[in-house]
Amino acid sequence: MDPATTQGVILRLVERNLVERHPDTQDRRRTSVSLTRIGQALVIDLMANAAAAHERTLEPLSGEERAQFMALLARLM
């Protein structure tokens, strides 16, 4: 993402109380961004949903087919 888009995304996340911004103590030009407790809880919930969706997607495949599919995806990354 370009800097303007990134800044917009971060501002929306701050408004939703999902992240906090902190000035970088080492470099005044930088700002650090960290998850709030609400943000952390949301990530945990979303990870569980993602894992369930992942399992449903791979359900028709055998164990060997799953391994092959995941290896092919890794090559594409």
C-alpha atoms as a PDB file:
ATOM      1  CA  MET A   1       0.000   0.000   0.000  1.00  0.00           C
ATOM      2  CA  ASP A   2       1.122   3.536  -0.575  1.00  0.00           C
ATOM      3  CA  PRO A   3       1.676   5.802   2.482  1.00  0.00           C
ATOM      4  CA  ALA A   4      -1.610   7.692   2.072  1.00  0.00           C
ATOM      5  CA  THR A   5      -3.635   4.482   1.938  1.00  0.00           C
ATOM      6  CA  THR A   6      -1.735   3.051   4.905  1.00  0.00           C
ATOM      7  CA  GLN A   7      -2.405   6.181   6.943  1.00  0.00           C
ATOM      8  CA  GLY A   8      -6.121   6.002   6.128  1.00  0.00           C
ATOM      9  CA  VAL A   9      -6.316   2.360   7.166  1.00  0.00           C
ATOM     10  CA  ILE A  10      -4.499   3.066  10.429  1.00  0.00           C
ATOM     11  CA  LEU A  11      -6.771   6.033  11.208  1.00  0.00           C
ATOM     12  CA  ARG A  12      -9.864   3.848  10.711  1.00  0.00           C
ATOM     13  CA  LEU A  13      -8.380   1.156  12.968  1.00  0.00           C
ATOM     14  CA  VAL A  14      -7.613   3.791  15.632  1.00  0.00           C
ATOM     15  CA  GLU A  15     -11.216   5.058  15.410  1.00  0.00           C
ATOM     16  CA  ARG A  16     -12.439   1.503  16.018  1.00  0.00           C
ATOM     17  CA  ASN A  17     -10.049   1.190  18.996  1.00  0.00           C
ATOM     18  CA  LEU A  18      -8.302  -1.773  17.356  1.00  0.00           C
ATOM     19  CA  VAL A  19      -4.809  -0.213  17.275  1.00  0.00           C
ATOM     20  CA  GLU A  20      -2.849   2.483  19.103  1.00  0.00           C
ATOM     21  CA  ARG A  21      -0.198   4.770  17.682  1.00  0.00           C
ATOM     22  CA  HIS A  22       2.938   5.680  19.649  1.00  0.00           C
ATOM     23  CA  PRO A  23       5.795   7.999  18.690  1.00  0.00           C
ATOM     24  CA  ASP A  24       9.028   6.099  18.090  1.00  0.00           C
ATOM     25  CA  THR A  25      11.475   6.987  20.855  1.00  0.00           C
ATOM     26  CA  GLN A  26      14.472   6.392  18.593  1.00  0.00           C
ATOM     27  CA  ASP A  27      13.286   8.160  15.436  1.00  0.00           C
ATOM     28  CA  ARG A  28      10.832  11.071  15.631  1.00  0.00           C
ATOM     29  CA  ARG A  29       9.875  10.583  11.967  1.00  0.00           C
ATOM     30  CA  ARG A  30       8.379   7.177  12.741  1.00  0.00           C
ATOM     31  CA  THR A  31       5.232   6.104  14.539  1.00  0.00           C
ATOM     32  CA  SER A  32       4.746   2.638  15.987  1.00  0.00           C
ATOM     33  CA  VAL A  33       1.366   0.935  15.761  1.00  0.00           C
ATOM     34  CA  SER A  34       0.256  -1.828  18.106  1.00  0.00           C
ATOM     35  CA  LEU A  35      -2.921  -3.792  18.683  1.00  0.00           C
ATOM     36  CA  THR A  36      -5.181  -2.846  21.564  1.00  0.00           C
ATOM     37  CA  ARG A  37      -6.750  -5.559  23.716  1.00  0.00           C
ATOM     38  CA  ILE A  38      -9.876  -5.265  21.576  1.00  0.00           C
ATOM     39  CA  GLY A  39      -7.733  -5.636  18.447  1.00  0.00           C
ATOM     40  CA  GLN A  40      -5.994  -8.683  19.880  1.00  0.00           C
ATOM     41  CA  ALA A  41      -9.328 -10.315  20.725  1.00  0.00           C
ATOM     42  CA  LEU A  42     -10.595  -9.629  17.210  1.00  0.00           C
ATOM     43  CA  VAL A  43      -7.491 -11.204  15.654  1.00  0.00           C
ATOM     44  CA  ILE A  44      -7.950 -14.312  17.810  1.00  0.00           C
ATOM     45  CA  ASP A  45     -11.597 -14.598  16.724  1.00  0.00           C
ATOM     46  CA  LEU A  46     -10.729 -14.048  13.063  1.00  0.00           C
ATOM     47  CA  MET A  47      -7.940 -16.630  13.194  1.00  0.00           C
ATOM     48  CA  ALA A  48     -10.409 -19.223  14.489  1.00  0.00           C
ATOM     49  CA  ASN A  49     -12.821 -18.336  11.663  1.00  0.00           C
ATOM     50  CA  ALA A  50      -9.997 -18.523   9.112  1.00  0.00           C
ATOM     51  CA  ALA A  51      -8.899 -21.933  10.405  1.00  0.00           C
ATOM     52  CA  ALA A  52     -12.473 -23.243  10.085  1.00  0.00           C
ATOM     53  CA  ALA A  53     -12.784 -21.876   6.534  1.00  0.00           C
ATOM     54  CA  HIS A  54      -9.404 -23.385   5.659  1.00  0.00           C
ATOM     55  CA  GLU A  55     -10.543 -26.775   6.928  1.00  0.00           C
ATOM     56  CA  ARG A  56     -13.814 -26.588   4.972  1.00  0.00           C
ATOM     57  CA  THR A  57     -11.899 -25.679   1.801  1.00  0.00           C
ATOM     58  CA  LEU A  58      -9.532 -28.639   2.116  1.00  0.00           C
ATOM     59  CA  GLU A  59     -12.175 -31.112   3.323  1.00  0.00           C
ATOM     60  CA  PRO A  60     -12.706 -32.819  -0.077  1.00  0.00           C
ATOM     61  CA  LEU A  61      -8.970 -33.579  -0.385  1.00  0.00           C
ATOM     62  CA  SER A  62      -7.147 -36.591   1.011  1.00  0.00           C
ATOM     63  CA  GLY A  63      -4.185 -36.069   3.319  1.00  0.00           C
ATOM     64  CA  GLU A  64      -1.755 -36.562   0.443  1.00  0.00           C
ATOM     65  CA  GLU A  65      -3.699 -34.184  -1.802  1.00  0.00           C
ATOM     66  CA  ARG A  66      -3.764 -31.560   0.954  1.00  0.00           C
ATOM     67  CA  ALA A  67      -0.004 -31.780   1.365  1.00  0.00           C
ATOM     68  CA  GLN A  68       0.521 -31.478  -2.379  1.00  0.00           C
ATOM     69  CA  PHE A  69      -1.892 -28.545  -2.641  1.00  0.00           C
ATOM     70  CA  MET A  70      -0.212 -26.686   0.223  1.00  0.00           C
ATOM     71  CA  ALA A  71       3.224 -27.315  -1.291  1.00  0.00           C
ATOM     72  CA  LEU A  72       2.036 -25.893  -4.622  1.00  0.00           C
ATOM     73  CA  LEU A  73       0.590 -22.828  -2.880  1.00  0.00           C
ATOM     74  CA  ALA A  74       3.884 -22.297  -1.068  1.00  0.00           C
ATOM     75  CA  ARG A  75       5.699 -22.310  -4.413  1.00  0.00           C
ATOM     76  CA  LEU A  76       3.386 -19.581  -5.669  1.00  0.00           C
ATOM     77  CA  MET A  77       4.162 -17.385  -2.712  1.00  0.00           C
END
